[in-house]
Amino acid sequence: MNSNVTDKGTTTQRDTLSELLGQLANNSADVVHDEIELVIQGIREKATAGRSGVVTVVTGAAIGFAAFLSLCAALIIGLSAYMAPAMAALVTGATLALIGSVIAFIGYRQLKKSIRNP
C-alpha cells in the first residue's frame, strides 16, 4: 500500500513540475514579448524626435542655400563694376567650383582613410 501512495505522489509531483515549467515558459515568453514592445516604442519615440530634427536641419540648409545664392548674385553685381557681367559671373562660378572641388577632395580622402582604418 505504501508503494501505491508513493507512486501516486511522484506522478502528482511530476505533473505539478510539468505545469510549473509550462507556466514558466509562458511567463518568460510574455516577458520577452513585453520587452520587445518597449524597445519598439522607444525606437518610435526616438524616430519621431529625430524626424523633427531632420526637418529643422533641412529647412535651415535650404534657407542657407538661398542666402548663399544671394551673396553670389551680389558678388557678380559688385564685380560687374570692374569687368563685363558675363566675365564676373564666370569668375565667381570658377572660384566657387574650385573651392567646392577642394572641399570635396578633402572629404573624399577623409572618407577613404576612415574606411581603410575603422
PDB file of N, CA and C in Angstrom:
ATOM      1  N   MET A   1       0.805  -1.183   0.000  1.00  0.00           N
ATOM      2  CA  MET A   1       0.000   0.000   0.000  1.00  0.00           C
ATOM      3  C   MET A   1       0.856   1.259   0.000  1.00  0.00           C
ATOM      4  N   ASN A   2       1.919   1.208   0.681  1.00  0.00           N
ATOM      5  CA  ASN A   2       2.825   2.335   0.711  1.00  0.00           C
ATOM      6  C   ASN A   2       3.385   2.660  -0.667  1.00  0.00           C
ATOM      7  N   SER A   3       3.672   1.613  -1.439  1.00  0.00           N
ATOM      8  CA  SER A   3       4.228   1.837  -2.768  1.00  0.00           C
ATOM      9  C   SER A   3       3.215   2.524  -3.683  1.00  0.00           C
ATOM     10  N   ASN A   4       1.932   2.242  -3.516  1.00  0.00           N
ATOM     11  CA  ASN A   4       0.910   2.905  -4.331  1.00  0.00           C
ATOM     12  C   ASN A   4       0.831   4.386  -4.001  1.00  0.00           C
ATOM     13  N   VAL A   5       0.918   4.707  -2.744  1.00  0.00           N
ATOM     14  CA  VAL A   5       0.844   6.112  -2.328  1.00  0.00           C
ATOM     15  C   VAL A   5       2.062   6.863  -2.833  1.00  0.00           C
ATOM     16  N   THR A   6       3.215   6.249  -2.750  1.00  0.00           N
ATOM     17  CA  THR A   6       4.448   6.887  -3.201  1.00  0.00           C
ATOM     18  C   THR A   6       4.414   7.104  -4.706  1.00  0.00           C
ATOM     19  N   ASP A   7       3.961   6.112  -5.472  1.00  0.00           N
ATOM     20  CA  ASP A   7       3.885   6.257  -6.915  1.00  0.00           C
ATOM     21  C   ASP A   7       2.902   7.350  -7.309  1.00  0.00           C
ATOM     22  N   LYS A   8       1.781   7.414  -6.600  1.00  0.00           N
ATOM     23  CA  LYS A   8       0.777   8.430  -6.896  1.00  0.00           C
ATOM     24  C   LYS A   8       1.321   9.815  -6.566  1.00  0.00           C
ATOM     25  N   GLY A   9       2.043   9.937  -5.468  1.00  0.00           N
ATOM     26  CA  GLY A   9       2.644  11.222  -5.079  1.00  0.00           C
ATOM     27  C   GLY A   9       3.706  11.653  -6.068  1.00  0.00           C
ATOM     28  N   THR A  10       4.504  10.728  -6.567  1.00  0.00           N
ATOM     29  CA  THR A  10       5.550  11.042  -7.541  1.00  0.00           C
ATOM     30  C   THR A  10       4.928  11.508  -8.848  1.00  0.00           C
ATOM     31  N   THR A  11       3.874  10.842  -9.270  1.00  0.00           N
ATOM     32  CA  THR A  11       3.186  11.229 -10.500  1.00  0.00           C
ATOM     33  C   THR A  11       2.600  12.619 -10.351  1.00  0.00           C
ATOM     34  N   THR A  12       2.018  12.926  -9.203  1.00  0.00           N
ATOM     35  CA  THR A  12       1.443  14.244  -8.958  1.00  0.00           C
ATOM     36  C   THR A  12       2.530  15.297  -8.951  1.00  0.00           C
ATOM     37  N   GLN A  13       3.660  14.981  -8.349  1.00  0.00           N
ATOM     38  CA  GLN A  13       4.767  15.943  -8.340  1.00  0.00           C
ATOM     39  C   GLN A  13       5.286  16.192  -9.751  1.00  0.00           C
ATOM     40  N   ARG A  14       5.368  15.133 -10.564  1.00  0.00           N
ATOM     41  CA  ARG A  14       5.826  15.304 -11.945  1.00  0.00           C
ATOM     42  C   ARG A  14       4.849  16.178 -12.735  1.00  0.00           C
ATOM     43  N   ASP A  15       3.542  15.914 -12.532  1.00  0.00           N
ATOM     44  CA  ASP A  15       2.543  16.731 -13.216  1.00  0.00           C
ATOM     45  C   ASP A  15       2.657  18.190 -12.764  1.00  0.00           C
ATOM     46  N   THR A  16       2.821  18.388 -11.475  1.00  0.00           N
ATOM     47  CA  THR A  16       2.927  19.740 -10.943  1.00  0.00           C
ATOM     48  C   THR A  16       4.191  20.409 -11.473  1.00  0.00           C
ATOM     49  N   LEU A  17       5.289  19.674 -11.522  1.00  0.00           N
ATOM     50  CA  LEU A  17       6.532  20.215 -12.047  1.00  0.00           C
ATOM     51  C   LEU A  17       6.376  20.555 -13.531  1.00  0.00           C
ATOM     52  N   SER A  18       5.702  19.714 -14.280  1.00  0.00           N
ATOM     53  CA  SER A  18       5.460  19.974 -15.696  1.00  0.00           C
ATOM     54  C   SER A  18       4.599  21.227 -15.869  1.00  0.00           C
ATOM     55  N   GLU A  19       3.584  21.352 -15.021  1.00  0.00           N
ATOM     56  CA  GLU A  19       2.729  22.536 -15.086  1.00  0.00           C
ATOM     57  C   GLU A  19       3.529  23.789 -14.753  1.00  0.00           C
ATOM     58  N   LEU A  20       4.376  23.708 -13.731  1.00  0.00           N
ATOM     59  CA  LEU A  20       5.193  24.863 -13.350  1.00  0.00           C
ATOM     60  C   LEU A  20       6.167  25.249 -14.465  1.00  0.00           C
ATOM     61  N   LEU A  21       6.780  24.253 -15.076  1.00  0.00           N
ATOM     62  CA  LEU A  21       7.689  24.542 -16.187  1.00  0.00           C
ATOM     63  C   LEU A  21       6.936  25.154 -17.365  1.00  0.00           C
ATOM     64  N   GLY A  22       5.725  24.668 -17.622  1.00  0.00           N
ATOM     65  CA  GLY A  22       4.900  25.246 -18.688  1.00  0.00           C
ATOM     66  C   GLY A  22       4.543  26.688 -18.386  1.00  0.00           C
ATOM     67  N   GLN A  23       4.165  26.964 -17.143  1.00  0.00           N
ATOM     68  CA  GLN A  23       3.850  28.334 -16.750  1.00  0.00           C
ATOM     69  C   GLN A  23       5.089  29.227 -16.848  1.00  0.00           C
ATOM     70  N   LEU A  24       6.243  28.675 -16.435  1.00  0.00           N
ATOM     71  CA  LEU A  24       7.489  29.442 -16.534  1.00  0.00           C
ATOM     72  C   LEU A  24       7.791  29.785 -17.986  1.00  0.00           C
ATOM     73  N   ALA A  25       7.611  28.840 -18.882  1.00  0.00           N
ATOM     74  CA  ALA A  25       7.849  29.088 -20.305  1.00  0.00           C
ATOM     75  C   ALA A  25       6.887  30.147 -20.839  1.00  0.00           C
ATOM     76  N   ASN A  26       5.613  30.046 -20.455  1.00  0.00           N
ATOM     77  CA  ASN A  26       4.625  31.038 -20.909  1.00  0.00           C
ATOM     78  C   ASN A  26       4.941  32.418 -20.365  1.00  0.00           C
ATOM     79  N   ASN A  27       5.280  32.496 -19.076  1.00  0.00           N
ATOM     80  CA  ASN A  27       5.596  33.785 -18.459  1.00  0.00           C
ATOM     81  C   ASN A  27       6.862  34.380 -19.070  1.00  0.00           C
ATOM     82  N   SER A  28       7.854  33.528 -19.337  1.00  0.00           N
ATOM     83  CA  SER A  28       9.086  34.014 -19.953  1.00  0.00           C
ATOM     84  C   SER A  28       8.796  34.570 -21.344  1.00  0.00           C
ATOM     85  N   ALA A  29       7.971  33.895 -22.100  1.00  0.00           N
ATOM     86  CA  ALA A  29       7.609  34.369 -23.436  1.00  0.00           C
ATOM     87  C   ALA A  29       6.879  35.707 -23.347  1.00  0.00           C
ATOM     88  N   ASP A  30       5.986  35.850 -22.358  1.00  0.00           N
ATOM     89  CA  ASP A  30       5.263  37.114 -22.178  1.00  0.00           C
ATOM     90  C   ASP A  30       6.222  38.252 -21.830  1.00  0.00           C
ATOM     91  N   VAL A  31       7.188  37.968 -20.953  1.00  0.00           N
ATOM     92  CA  VAL A  31       8.153  38.994 -20.556  1.00  0.00           C
ATOM     93  C   VAL A  31       8.993  39.421 -21.759  1.00  0.00           C
ATOM     94  N   VAL A  32       9.462  38.471 -22.540  1.00  0.00           N
ATOM     95  CA  VAL A  32      10.259  38.790 -23.728  1.00  0.00           C
ATOM     96  C   VAL A  32       9.422  39.606 -24.706  1.00  0.00           C
ATOM     97  N   HIS A  33       8.174  39.220 -24.904  1.00  0.00           N
ATOM     98  CA  HIS A  33       7.291  39.958 -25.815  1.00  0.00           C
ATOM     99  C   HIS A  33       7.104  41.394 -25.323  1.00  0.00           C
ATOM    100  N   ASP A  34       6.876  41.573 -24.020  1.00  0.00           N
ATOM    101  CA  ASP A  34       6.700  42.915 -23.471  1.00  0.00           C
ATOM    102  C   ASP A  34       7.970  43.752 -23.618  1.00  0.00           C
ATOM    103  N   GLU A  35       9.126  43.139 -23.416  1.00  0.00           N
ATOM    104  CA  GLU A  35      10.389  43.860 -23.570  1.00  0.00           C
ATOM    105  C   GLU A  35      10.590  44.302 -25.015  1.00  0.00           C
ATOM    106  N   ILE A  36      10.241  43.441 -25.941  1.00  0.00           N
ATOM    107  CA  ILE A  36      10.361  43.793 -27.357  1.00  0.00           C
ATOM    108  C   ILE A  36       9.438  44.966 -27.682  1.00  0.00           C
ATOM    109  N   GLU A  37       8.234  44.945 -27.148  1.00  0.00           N
ATOM    110  CA  GLU A  37       7.299  46.050 -27.366  1.00  0.00           C
ATOM    111  C   GLU A  37       7.849  47.360 -26.805  1.00  0.00           C
ATOM    112  N   LEU A  38       8.493  47.307 -25.623  1.00  0.00           N
ATOM    113  CA  LEU A  38       9.079  48.510 -25.036  1.00  0.00           C
ATOM    114  C   LEU A  38      10.217  49.050 -25.902  1.00  0.00           C
ATOM    115  N   VAL A  39      11.030  48.166 -26.424  1.00  0.00           N
ATOM    116  CA  VAL A  39      12.129  48.597 -27.287  1.00  0.00           C
ATOM    117  C   VAL A  39      11.575  49.247 -28.556  1.00  0.00           C
ATOM    118  N   ILE A  40      10.562  48.643 -29.144  1.00  0.00           N
ATOM    119  CA  ILE A  40       9.955  49.204 -30.354  1.00  0.00           C
ATOM    120  C   ILE A  40       9.355  50.570 -30.068  1.00  0.00           C
ATOM    121  N   GLN A  41       8.698  50.712 -28.928  1.00  0.00           N
ATOM    122  CA  GLN A  41       8.111  52.002 -28.564  1.00  0.00           C
ATOM    123  C   GLN A  41       9.206  53.055 -28.379  1.00  0.00           C
ATOM    124  N   GLY A  42      10.309  52.680 -27.746  1.00  0.00           N
ATOM    125  CA  GLY A  42      11.427  53.614 -27.575  1.00  0.00           C
ATOM    126  C   GLY A  42      12.008  54.042 -28.905  1.00  0.00           C
ATOM    127  N   ILE A  43      12.137  53.107 -29.834  1.00  0.00           N
ATOM    128  CA  ILE A  43      12.661  53.430 -31.161  1.00  0.00           C
ATOM    129  C   ILE A  43      11.726  54.382 -31.885  1.00  0.00           C
ATOM    130  N   ARG A  44      10.430  54.143 -31.758  1.00  0.00           N
ATOM    131  CA  ARG A  44       9.452  55.037 -32.401  1.00  0.00           C
ATOM    132  C   ARG A  44       9.559  56.460 -31.855  1.00  0.00           C
ATOM    133  N   GLU A  45       9.718  56.573 -30.525  1.00  0.00           N
ATOM    134  CA  GLU A  45       9.832  57.897 -29.923  1.00  0.00           C
ATOM    135  C   GLU A  45      11.099  58.602 -30.403  1.00  0.00           C
ATOM    136  N   LYS A  46      12.203  57.873 -30.477  1.00  0.00           N
ATOM    137  CA  LYS A  46      13.448  58.473 -30.955  1.00  0.00           C
ATOM    138  C   LYS A  46      13.345  58.850 -32.429  1.00  0.00           C
ATOM    139  N   ALA A  47      12.666  58.034 -33.211  1.00  0.00           N
ATOM    140  CA  ALA A  47      12.498  58.334 -34.636  1.00  0.00           C
ATOM    141  C   ALA A  47      11.671  59.598 -34.828  1.00  0.00           C
ATOM    142  N   THR A  48      10.655  59.775 -34.013  1.00  0.00           N
ATOM    143  CA  THR A  48       9.828  60.982 -34.103  1.00  0.00           C
ATOM    144  C   THR A  48      10.652  62.218 -33.762  1.00  0.00           C
ATOM    145  N   ALA A  49      11.447  62.121 -32.700  1.00  0.00           N
ATOM    146  CA  ALA A  49      12.299  63.249 -32.321  1.00  0.00           C
ATOM    147  C   ALA A  49      13.356  63.494 -33.392  1.00  0.00           C
ATOM    148  N   GLY A  50      13.921  62.440 -33.944  1.00  0.00           N
ATOM    149  CA  GLY A  50      14.918  62.580 -34.997  1.00  0.00           C
ATOM    150  C   GLY A  50      14.344  63.192 -36.253  1.00  0.00           C
ATOM    151  N   ARG A  51      13.131  62.795 -36.593  1.00  0.00           N
ATOM    152  CA  ARG A  51      12.481  63.332 -37.787  1.00  0.00           C
ATOM    153  C   ARG A  51      12.283  64.844 -37.643  1.00  0.00           C
ATOM    154  N   SER A  52      11.910  65.294 -36.466  1.00  0.00           N
ATOM    155  CA  SER A  52      11.730  66.723 -36.223  1.00  0.00           C
ATOM    156  C   SER A  52      13.057  67.455 -36.405  1.00  0.00           C
ATOM    157  N   GLY A  53      14.138  66.870 -35.889  1.00  0.00           N
ATOM    158  CA  GLY A  53      15.453  67.482 -36.047  1.00  0.00           C
ATOM    159  C   GLY A  53      15.889  67.539 -37.497  1.00  0.00           C
ATOM    160  N   VAL A  54      15.609  66.477 -38.245  1.00  0.00           N
ATOM    161  CA  VAL A  54      15.984  66.439 -39.660  1.00  0.00           C
ATOM    162  C   VAL A  54      15.232  67.510 -40.437  1.00  0.00           C
ATOM    163  N   VAL A  55      13.954  67.670 -40.153  1.00  0.00           N
ATOM    164  CA  VAL A  55      13.160  68.697 -40.847  1.00  0.00           C
ATOM    165  C   VAL A  55      13.734  70.083 -40.557  1.00  0.00           C
ATOM    166  N   THR A  56      14.123  70.321 -39.314  1.00  0.00           N
ATOM    167  CA  THR A  56      14.693  71.614 -38.947  1.00  0.00           C
ATOM    168  C   THR A  56      16.022  71.849 -39.660  1.00  0.00           C
ATOM    169  N   VAL A  57      16.867  70.826 -39.707  1.00  0.00           N
ATOM    170  CA  VAL A  57      18.166  70.965 -40.385  1.00  0.00           C
ATOM    171  C   VAL A  57      17.965  71.211 -41.874  1.00  0.00           C
ATOM    172  N   VAL A  58      17.059  70.494 -42.509  1.00  0.00           N
ATOM    173  CA  VAL A  58      16.814  70.676 -43.943  1.00  0.00           C
ATOM    174  C   VAL A  58      16.270  72.074 -44.225  1.00  0.00           C
ATOM    175  N   THR A  59      15.382  72.544 -43.373  1.00  0.00           N
ATOM    176  CA  THR A  59      14.844  73.897 -43.547  1.00  0.00           C
ATOM    177  C   THR A  59      15.953  74.934 -43.419  1.00  0.00           C
ATOM    178  N   GLY A  60      16.796  74.777 -42.411  1.00  0.00           N
ATOM    179  CA  GLY A  60      17.920  75.695 -42.233  1.00  0.00           C
ATOM    180  C   GLY A  60      18.883  75.643 -43.407  1.00  0.00           C
ATOM    181  N   ALA A  61      19.140  74.447 -43.928  1.00  0.00           N
ATOM    182  CA  ALA A  61      20.039  74.305 -45.071  1.00  0.00           C
ATOM    183  C   ALA A  61      19.454  74.978 -46.314  1.00  0.00           C
ATOM    184  N   ALA A  62      18.158  74.846 -46.520  1.00  0.00           N
ATOM    185  CA  ALA A  62      17.516  75.481 -47.670  1.00  0.00           C
ATOM    186  C   ALA A  62      17.602  77.007 -47.578  1.00  0.00           C
ATOM    187  N   ILE A  63      17.363  77.536 -46.398  1.00  0.00           N
ATOM    188  CA  ILE A  63      17.456  78.992 -46.205  1.00  0.00           C
ATOM    189  C   ILE A  63      18.902  79.450 -46.370  1.00  0.00           C
ATOM    190  N   GLY A  64      19.839  78.656 -45.839  1.00  0.00           N
ATOM    191  CA  GLY A  64      21.263  78.983 -46.002  1.00  0.00           C
ATOM    192  C   GLY A  64      21.686  78.963 -47.463  1.00  0.00           C
ATOM    193  N   PHE A  65      21.172  78.003 -48.222  1.00  0.00           N
ATOM    194  CA  PHE A  65      21.493  77.929 -49.648  1.00  0.00           C
ATOM    195  C   PHE A  65      20.942  79.148 -50.385  1.00  0.00           C
ATOM    196  N   ALA A  66      19.730  79.571 -50.038  1.00  0.00           N
ATOM    197  CA  ALA A  66      19.163  80.774 -50.661  1.00  0.00           C
ATOM    198  C   ALA A  66      20.024  81.996 -50.326  1.00  0.00           C
ATOM    199  N   ALA A  67      20.510  82.073 -49.099  1.00  0.00           N
ATOM    200  CA  ALA A  67      21.379  83.189 -48.710  1.00  0.00           C
ATOM    201  C   ALA A  67      22.689  83.145 -49.498  1.00  0.00           C
ATOM    202  N   PHE A  68      23.231  81.944 -49.669  1.00  0.00           N
ATOM    203  CA  PHE A  68      24.467  81.782 -50.438  1.00  0.00           C
ATOM    204  C   PHE A  68      24.270  82.248 -51.884  1.00  0.00           C
ATOM    205  N   LEU A  69      23.147  81.879 -52.483  1.00  0.00           N
ATOM    206  CA  LEU A  69      22.870  82.312 -53.855  1.00  0.00           C
ATOM    207  C   LEU A  69      22.743  83.837 -53.934  1.00  0.00           C
ATOM    208  N   SER A  70      22.133  84.434 -52.929  1.00  0.00           N
ATOM    209  CA  SER A  70      22.008  85.900 -52.908  1.00  0.00           C
ATOM    210  C   SER A  70      23.381  86.554 -52.813  1.00  0.00           C
ATOM    211  N   LEU A  71      24.251  85.984 -51.996  1.00  0.00           N
ATOM    212  CA  LEU A  71      25.606  86.529 -51.881  1.00  0.00           C
ATOM    213  C   LEU A  71      26.386  86.370 -53.180  1.00  0.00           C
ATOM    214  N   CYS A  72      26.170  85.256 -53.876  1.00  0.00           N
ATOM    215  CA  CYS A  72      26.809  85.064 -55.180  1.00  0.00           C
ATOM    216  C   CYS A  72      26.320  86.119 -56.173  1.00  0.00           C
ATOM    217  N   ALA A  73      25.040  86.383 -56.172  1.00  0.00           N
ATOM    218  CA  ALA A  73      24.486  87.408 -57.069  1.00  0.00           C
ATOM    219  C   ALA A  73      25.068  88.777 -56.726  1.00  0.00           C
ATOM    220  N   ALA A  74      25.190  89.069 -55.433  1.00  0.00           N
ATOM    221  CA  ALA A  74      25.769  90.350 -55.024  1.00  0.00           C
ATOM    222  C   ALA A  74      27.227  90.451 -55.455  1.00  0.00           C
ATOM    223  N   LEU A  75      27.967  89.344 -55.360  1.00  0.00           N
ATOM    224  CA  LEU A  75      29.364  89.342 -55.795  1.00  0.00           C
ATOM    225  C   LEU A  75      29.463  89.597 -57.291  1.00  0.00           C
ATOM    226  N   ILE A  76      28.595  88.965 -58.057  1.00  0.00           N
ATOM    227  CA  ILE A  76      28.612  89.168 -59.511  1.00  0.00           C
ATOM    228  C   ILE A  76      28.277  90.618 -59.851  1.00  0.00           C
ATOM    229  N   ILE A  77      27.280  91.168 -59.174  1.00  0.00           N
ATOM    230  CA  ILE A  77      26.900  92.565 -59.424  1.00  0.00           C
ATOM    231  C   ILE A  77      28.052  93.497 -59.044  1.00  0.00           C
ATOM    232  N   GLY A  78      28.706  93.186 -57.915  1.00  0.00           N
ATOM    233  CA  GLY A  78      29.835  94.017 -57.488  1.00  0.00           C
ATOM    234  C   GLY A  78      31.000  93.928 -58.457  1.00  0.00           C
ATOM    235  N   LEU A  79      31.292  92.749 -58.955  1.00  0.00           N
ATOM    236  CA  LEU A  79      32.394  92.593 -59.909  1.00  0.00           C
ATOM    237  C   LEU A  79      32.058  93.204 -61.270  1.00  0.00           C
ATOM    238  N   SER A  80      30.777  93.363 -61.556  1.00  0.00           N
ATOM    239  CA  SER A  80      30.366  93.958 -62.835  1.00  0.00           C
ATOM    240  C   SER A  80      30.852  95.392 -62.976  1.00  0.00           C
ATOM    241  N   ALA A  81      31.157  96.049 -61.863  1.00  0.00           N
ATOM    242  CA  ALA A  81      31.676  97.418 -61.933  1.00  0.00           C
ATOM    243  C   ALA A  81      33.102  97.420 -62.467  1.00  0.00           C
ATOM    244  N   TYR A  82      33.791  96.286 -62.367  1.00  0.00           N
ATOM    245  CA  TYR A  82      35.187  96.213 -62.796  1.00  0.00           C
ATOM    246  C   TYR A  82      35.383  95.410 -64.085  1.00  0.00           C
ATOM    247  N   MET A  83      34.398  94.618 -64.471  1.00  0.00           N
ATOM    248  CA  MET A  83      34.516  93.803 -65.680  1.00  0.00           C
ATOM    249  C   MET A  83      33.124  93.550 -66.253  1.00  0.00           C
ATOM    250  N   ALA A  84      33.072  92.926 -67.383  1.00  0.00           N
ATOM    251  CA  ALA A  84      31.791  92.638 -68.031  1.00  0.00           C
ATOM    252  C   ALA A  84      30.980  91.683 -67.132  1.00  0.00           C
ATOM    253  N   PRO A  85      29.654  91.817 -67.115  1.00  0.00           N
ATOM    254  CA  PRO A  85      28.828  90.955 -66.259  1.00  0.00           C
ATOM    255  C   PRO A  85      29.034  89.462 -66.535  1.00  0.00           C
ATOM    256  N   ALA A  86      29.195  89.086 -67.782  1.00  0.00           N
ATOM    257  CA  ALA A  86      29.417  87.671 -68.096  1.00  0.00           C
ATOM    258  C   ALA A  86      30.739  87.200 -67.498  1.00  0.00           C
ATOM    259  N   MET A  87      31.768  88.029 -67.579  1.00  0.00           N
ATOM    260  CA  MET A  87      33.064  87.677 -67.021  1.00  0.00           C
ATOM    261  C   MET A  87      32.979  87.603 -65.493  1.00  0.00           C
ATOM    262  N   ALA A  88      32.223  88.494 -64.867  1.00  0.00           N
ATOM    263  CA  ALA A  88      32.055  88.475 -63.419  1.00  0.00           C
ATOM    264  C   ALA A  88      31.376  87.180 -62.978  1.00  0.00           C
ATOM    265  N   ALA A  89      30.354  86.761 -63.729  1.00  0.00           N
ATOM    266  CA  ALA A  89      29.667  85.504 -63.403  1.00  0.00           C
ATOM    267  C   ALA A  89      30.607  84.325 -63.603  1.00  0.00           C
ATOM    268  N   LEU A  90      31.413  84.366 -64.661  1.00  0.00           N
ATOM    269  CA  LEU A  90      32.359  83.287 -64.928  1.00  0.00           C
ATOM    270  C   LEU A  90      33.420  83.195 -63.829  1.00  0.00           C
ATOM    271  N   VAL A  91      33.964  84.317 -63.411  1.00  0.00           N
ATOM    272  CA  VAL A  91      34.980  84.326 -62.352  1.00  0.00           C
ATOM    273  C   VAL A  91      34.378  83.802 -61.048  1.00  0.00           C
ATOM    274  N   THR A  92      33.185  84.242 -60.721  1.00  0.00           N
ATOM    275  CA  THR A  92      32.527  83.783 -59.488  1.00  0.00           C
ATOM    276  C   THR A  92      32.265  82.284 -59.552  1.00  0.00           C
ATOM    277  N   GLY A  93      31.729  81.806 -60.661  1.00  0.00           N
ATOM    278  CA  GLY A  93      31.444  80.378 -60.805  1.00  0.00           C
ATOM    279  C   GLY A  93      32.698  79.529 -60.756  1.00  0.00           C
ATOM    280  N   ALA A  94      33.757  79.973 -61.434  1.00  0.00           N
ATOM    281  CA  ALA A  94      35.008  79.211 -61.438  1.00  0.00           C
ATOM    282  C   ALA A  94      35.624  79.163 -60.040  1.00  0.00           C
ATOM    283  N   THR A  95      35.588  80.263 -59.328  1.00  0.00           N
ATOM    284  CA  THR A  95      36.139  80.297 -57.967  1.00  0.00           C
ATOM    285  C   THR A  95      35.359  79.369 -57.047  1.00  0.00           C
ATOM    286  N   LEU A  96      34.042  79.411 -57.138  1.00  0.00           N
ATOM    287  CA  LEU A  96      33.216  78.533 -56.292  1.00  0.00           C
ATOM    288  C   LEU A  96      33.419  77.069 -56.666  1.00  0.00           C
ATOM    289  N   ALA A  97      33.576  76.776 -57.949  1.00  0.00           N
ATOM    290  CA  ALA A  97      33.825  75.402 -58.387  1.00  0.00           C
ATOM    291  C   ALA A  97      35.158  74.900 -57.841  1.00  0.00           C
ATOM    292  N   LEU A  98      36.177  75.748 -57.853  1.00  0.00           N
ATOM    293  CA  LEU A  98      37.479  75.373 -57.328  1.00  0.00           C
ATOM    294  C   LEU A  98      37.404  75.103 -55.822  1.00  0.00           C
ATOM    295  N   ILE A  99      36.747  75.994 -55.106  1.00  0.00           N
ATOM    296  CA  ILE A  99      36.592  75.804 -53.649  1.00  0.00           C
ATOM    297  C   ILE A  99      35.815  74.520 -53.366  1.00  0.00           C
ATOM    298  N   GLY A 100      34.733  74.297 -54.091  1.00  0.00           N
ATOM    299  CA  GLY A 100      33.940  73.084 -53.897  1.00  0.00           C
ATOM    300  C   GLY A 100      34.719  71.820 -54.205  1.00  0.00           C
ATOM    301  N   SER A 101      35.522  71.856 -55.256  1.00  0.00           N
ATOM    302  CA  SER A 101      36.335  70.690 -55.618  1.00  0.00           C
ATOM    303  C   SER A 101      37.364  70.375 -54.539  1.00  0.00           C
ATOM    304  N   VAL A 102      38.007  71.405 -54.009  1.00  0.00           N
ATOM    305  CA  VAL A 102      38.999  71.190 -52.942  1.00  0.00           C
ATOM    306  C   VAL A 102      38.324  70.588 -51.716  1.00  0.00           C
ATOM    307  N   ILE A 103      37.183  71.118 -51.328  1.00  0.00           N
ATOM    308  CA  ILE A 103      36.472  70.593 -50.158  1.00  0.00           C
ATOM    309  C   ILE A 103      36.027  69.156 -50.401  1.00  0.00           C
ATOM    310  N   ALA A 104      35.504  68.871 -51.591  1.00  0.00           N
ATOM    311  CA  ALA A 104      35.074  67.502 -51.912  1.00  0.00           C
ATOM    312  C   ALA A 104      36.261  66.539 -51.898  1.00  0.00           C
ATOM    313  N   PHE A 105      37.407  66.963 -52.410  1.00  0.00           N
ATOM    314  CA  PHE A 105      38.594  66.111 -52.419  1.00  0.00           C
ATOM    315  C   PHE A 105      39.069  65.821 -50.999  1.00  0.00           C
ATOM    316  N   ILE A 106      39.056  66.834 -50.140  1.00  0.00           N
ATOM    317  CA  ILE A 106      39.445  66.622 -48.742  1.00  0.00           C
ATOM    318  C   ILE A 106      38.485  65.643 -48.072  1.00  0.00           C
ATOM    319  N   GLY A 107      37.198  65.813 -48.308  1.00  0.00           N
ATOM    320  CA  GLY A 107      36.204  64.891 -47.745  1.00  0.00           C
ATOM    321  C   GLY A 107      36.370  63.482 -48.262  1.00  0.00           C
ATOM    322  N   TYR A 108      36.678  63.344 -49.544  1.00  0.00           N
ATOM    323  CA  TYR A 108      36.896  62.030 -50.144  1.00  0.00           C
ATOM    324  C   TYR A 108      38.091  61.340 -49.494  1.00  0.00           C
ATOM    325  N   ARG A 109      39.177  62.070 -49.298  1.00  0.00           N
ATOM    326  CA  ARG A 109      40.357  61.482 -48.647  1.00  0.00           C
ATOM    327  C   ARG A 109      40.058  61.057 -47.224  1.00  0.00           C
ATOM    328  N   GLN A 110      39.316  61.876 -46.487  1.00  0.00           N
ATOM    329  CA  GLN A 110      38.962  61.512 -45.110  1.00  0.00           C
ATOM    330  C   GLN A 110      38.074  60.272 -45.096  1.00  0.00           C
ATOM    331  N   LEU A 111      37.141  60.203 -46.007  1.00  0.00           N
ATOM    332  CA  LEU A 111      36.243  59.048 -46.091  1.00  0.00           C
ATOM    333  C   LEU A 111      37.020  57.788 -46.450  1.00  0.00           C
ATOM    334  N   LYS A 112      37.910  57.905 -47.426  1.00  0.00           N
ATOM    335  CA  LYS A 112      38.719  56.768 -47.834  1.00  0.00           C
ATOM    336  C   LYS A 112      39.606  56.292 -46.683  1.00  0.00           C
ATOM    337  N   LYS A 113      40.151  57.239 -45.927  1.00  0.00           N
ATOM    338  CA  LYS A 113      41.006  56.905 -44.784  1.00  0.00           C
ATOM    339  C   LYS A 113      40.207  56.217 -43.685  1.00  0.00           C
ATOM    340  N   SER A 114      38.993  56.679 -43.425  1.00  0.00           N
ATOM    341  CA  SER A 114      38.172  56.081 -42.362  1.00  0.00           C
ATOM    342  C   SER A 114      37.679  54.702 -42.755  1.00  0.00           C
ATOM    343  N   ILE A 115      37.489  54.449 -44.046  1.00  0.00           N
ATOM    344  CA  ILE A 115      37.053  53.117 -44.483  1.00  0.00           C
ATOM    345  C   ILE A 115      38.205  52.124 -44.357  1.00  0.00           C
ATOM    346  N   ARG A 116      39.410  52.550 -44.671  1.00  0.00           N
ATOM    347  CA  ARG A 116      40.572  51.683 -44.564  1.00  0.00           C
ATOM    348  C   ARG A 116      40.917  51.350 -43.117  1.00  0.00           C
ATOM    349  N   ASN A 117      40.796  52.314 -42.238  1.00  0.00           N
ATOM    350  CA  ASN A 117      41.154  52.137 -40.825  1.00  0.00           C
ATOM    351  C   ASN A 117      39.942  52.350 -39.927  1.00  0.00           C
ATOM    352  N   PRO A 118      39.082  51.337 -39.800  1.00  0.00           N
ATOM    353  CA  PRO A 118      37.863  51.531 -38.999  1.00  0.00           C
ATOM    354  C   PRO A 118      38.148  51.659 -37.526  1.00  0.00           C
TER     355      PRO A 118
END
